[in-house]
Amino acid sequence: MAEEMKQCCTCRHKETERADDLQHDLTKRLNRAIGQLNGVKDMIADNRYCGDVLVQLAAAESAVHRIAEIVLQDHMETCVVEQVRGGNVEVVDEAMRLIKKFM
C-alpha cells in the first residue's frame, strides 16, 4: 500500500520559497483553524446544540477558505507567473481549474 502511494503521488515543490511572513501567517491561520475544528470535535463529544456546532463549523470553514485564497493568490503571483515567463502557458489552464474549485 505504501508503495502504491509513492507511485501515485504527484507532490511538487515551489521553485521559489514562500516569504517568511507569508509562511508564518499561513501557519498561524492553519493552527487557528485546527483549534476551531478541535473545538467542534469537543462540542460533538459533549452533545452540544446542533445550531452552535454549525456556527462553529461555518467559522472553521471560513478560516480554511481564507487560507486557500491566500495560497491561491501566492500561486498566481509566483508559480503561475514564473511558468508563463518560462513559456509554459498551459499553467493557466491549471490555475483556472484551481479557481473553479472555489466558485
Protein backbone atom coordinates (compact mmCIF):
# COMPACT_ATOMS: atom_id res chain seq x y z
CA MET A 1 0.00 0.00 0.00
CA ALA A 2 2.76 2.47 0.89
CA GLU A 3 4.49 1.67 -2.40
CA GLU A 4 1.25 2.39 -4.29
CA MET A 5 1.00 5.79 -2.61
CA LYS A 6 4.57 6.63 -3.58
CA GLN A 7 3.89 5.79 -7.21
CA CYS A 8 0.70 7.84 -7.50
CA CYS A 9 1.93 10.85 -5.55
CA THR A 10 2.21 13.95 -7.70
CA CYS A 11 3.58 16.18 -4.97
CA ARG A 12 5.62 19.04 -6.34
CA HIS A 13 7.61 21.80 -4.70
CA LYS A 14 7.56 25.50 -5.45
CA GLU A 15 10.59 26.78 -7.30
CA THR A 16 10.52 29.98 -5.23
CA GLU A 17 10.33 29.75 -1.44
CA ARG A 18 7.34 31.35 0.24
CA ALA A 19 8.20 34.57 2.02
CA ASP A 20 8.83 34.08 5.74
CA ASP A 21 5.98 36.42 6.70
CA LEU A 22 3.56 34.54 4.42
CA GLN A 23 4.73 31.19 5.80
CA HIS A 24 4.23 32.48 9.35
CA ASP A 25 0.77 33.88 8.55
CA LEU A 26 -0.38 30.64 6.90
CA THR A 27 0.90 28.55 9.81
CA LYS A 28 -0.86 30.82 12.31
CA ARG A 29 -4.12 30.66 10.36
CA LEU A 30 -3.90 26.88 9.96
CA ASN A 31 -3.27 26.40 13.68
CA ARG A 32 -6.27 28.59 14.46
CA ALA A 33 -8.49 26.59 12.06
CA ILE A 34 -7.25 23.33 13.56
CA GLY A 35 -8.11 24.70 17.00
CA GLN A 36 -11.60 25.59 15.79
CA LEU A 37 -12.11 22.09 14.39
CA ASN A 38 -10.85 20.52 17.61
CA GLY A 39 -13.37 22.72 19.43
CA VAL A 40 -16.13 21.42 17.17
CA LYS A 41 -14.99 17.86 17.84
CA ASP A 42 -15.25 18.56 21.57
CA MET A 43 -18.70 20.10 21.09
CA ILE A 44 -19.88 16.95 19.30
CA ALA A 45 -18.46 14.75 22.06
CA ASP A 46 -20.18 16.97 24.65
CA ASN A 47 -23.52 16.62 22.79
CA ARG A 48 -23.78 20.38 22.28
CA TYR A 49 -26.72 22.00 20.49
CA CYS A 50 -26.61 21.45 16.72
CA GLY A 51 -27.03 25.14 15.90
CA ASP A 52 -23.98 26.05 17.99
CA VAL A 53 -21.95 23.30 16.33
CA LEU A 54 -22.99 24.54 12.88
CA VAL A 55 -21.96 28.12 13.73
CA GLN A 56 -18.51 26.92 14.76
CA LEU A 57 -18.23 24.75 11.64
CA ALA A 58 -19.08 27.76 9.50
CA ALA A 59 -16.33 29.76 11.22
CA ALA A 60 -13.80 26.98 10.63
CA GLU A 61 -14.87 26.64 7.01
CA SER A 62 -14.49 30.38 6.50
CA ALA A 63 -11.00 30.28 8.03
CA VAL A 64 -9.93 27.43 5.75
CA HIS A 65 -11.42 29.20 2.72
CA ARG A 66 -9.43 32.35 3.54
CA ILE A 67 -6.23 30.29 3.80
CA ALA A 68 -6.98 28.81 0.39
CA GLU A 69 -7.50 32.29 -1.07
CA ILE A 70 -4.12 33.41 0.27
CA VAL A 71 -2.36 30.32 -1.11
CA LEU A 72 -4.12 30.75 -4.47
CA GLN A 73 -3.02 34.38 -4.68
CA ASP A 74 0.55 33.38 -3.87
CA HIS A 75 0.32 30.64 -6.50
CA MET A 76 -0.84 33.13 -9.13
CA GLU A 77 1.82 35.70 -8.21
CA THR A 78 4.72 33.25 -8.08
CA CYS A 79 4.26 29.81 -9.63
CA VAL A 80 1.96 30.83 -12.48
CA VAL A 81 3.93 33.97 -13.34
CA GLU A 82 7.21 32.04 -13.32
CA GLN A 83 5.80 29.29 -15.53
CA VAL A 84 4.31 31.74 -18.05
CA ARG A 85 7.57 33.69 -18.21
CA GLY A 86 9.31 30.38 -18.87
CA GLY A 87 7.00 29.70 -21.80
CA ASN A 88 4.57 27.29 -20.14
CA VAL A 89 1.19 28.87 -20.85
CA GLU A 90 -0.60 25.59 -20.06
CA VAL A 91 -0.22 26.51 -16.39
CA VAL A 92 -3.07 28.98 -16.96
CA ASP A 93 -5.43 26.03 -17.51
CA GLU A 94 -4.31 24.55 -14.20
CA ALA A 95 -4.85 27.90 -12.49
CA MET A 96 -8.36 28.12 -13.93
CA ARG A 97 -9.19 24.64 -12.63
CA LEU A 98 -8.00 25.68 -9.19
CA ILE A 99 -10.04 28.89 -9.27
CA LYS A 100 -13.16 26.95 -10.30
CA LYS A 101 -12.83 24.81 -7.15
CA PHE A 102 -13.62 27.96 -5.14
CA MET A 103 -16.64 29.10 -7.14
